[in-house]
Amino acid sequence: MLTGDEVSVHYVVPDNPRIENGEPVVFQLVPEDKRVWHAGVSY
């Protein structure tokens, strides 16, 4: 679950991702070595 103080979102995985070269396409939002802070309340 992505609602705790120690989590941050780095990837978005669509419910039905497009397939390219036999792999699902996901979106990296932030480099792995960075921490993400959100503005406002999330749900």
Protein backbone atom coordinates (compact mmCIF):
# COMPACT_ATOMS: atom_id res chain seq x y z
CA MET A 1 0.00 0.00 0.00
CA LEU A 2 1.37 3.43 -0.90
CA THR A 3 0.02 5.46 2.02
CA GLY A 4 2.72 5.25 4.71
CA ASP A 5 5.39 7.76 5.73
CA GLU A 6 8.18 5.58 4.37
CA VAL A 7 6.89 5.08 0.82
CA SER A 8 7.18 7.06 -2.37
CA VAL A 9 5.91 6.43 -5.87
CA HIS A 10 8.52 5.86 -8.56
CA TYR A 11 6.50 3.94 -11.17
CA VAL A 12 3.01 3.92 -12.62
CA VAL A 13 1.79 0.58 -13.93
CA PRO A 14 -1.36 0.86 -16.06
CA ASP A 15 -4.21 -1.59 -15.44
CA ASN A 16 -3.79 -2.87 -19.00
CA PRO A 17 -0.27 -1.85 -20.04
CA ARG A 18 0.77 -1.66 -23.67
CA ILE A 19 3.16 -4.47 -24.63
CA GLU A 20 6.39 -3.62 -26.45
CA ASN A 21 8.99 -6.24 -27.33
CA GLY A 22 7.07 -8.74 -25.20
CA GLU A 23 7.25 -6.56 -22.05
CA PRO A 24 4.58 -4.37 -20.41
CA VAL A 25 5.21 -0.62 -20.66
CA VAL A 26 5.40 1.12 -17.27
CA PHE A 27 6.27 4.74 -16.54
CA GLN A 28 9.17 5.72 -14.28
CA LEU A 29 8.33 9.02 -12.58
CA VAL A 30 11.43 9.50 -10.41
CA PRO A 31 14.94 8.01 -10.46
CA GLU A 32 15.38 5.05 -8.07
CA ASP A 33 17.90 6.91 -5.92
CA LYS A 34 15.55 9.86 -5.22
CA ARG A 35 12.76 10.29 -2.67
CA VAL A 36 9.35 11.59 -3.77
CA TRP A 37 7.34 14.10 -1.74
CA HIS A 38 3.71 14.74 -2.56
CA ALA A 39 1.84 18.02 -2.31
CA GLY A 40 -1.49 17.68 -0.57
CA VAL A 41 -3.53 14.74 0.61
CA SER A 42 -3.35 11.60 -1.50
CA TYR A 43 -5.89 8.81 -1.78
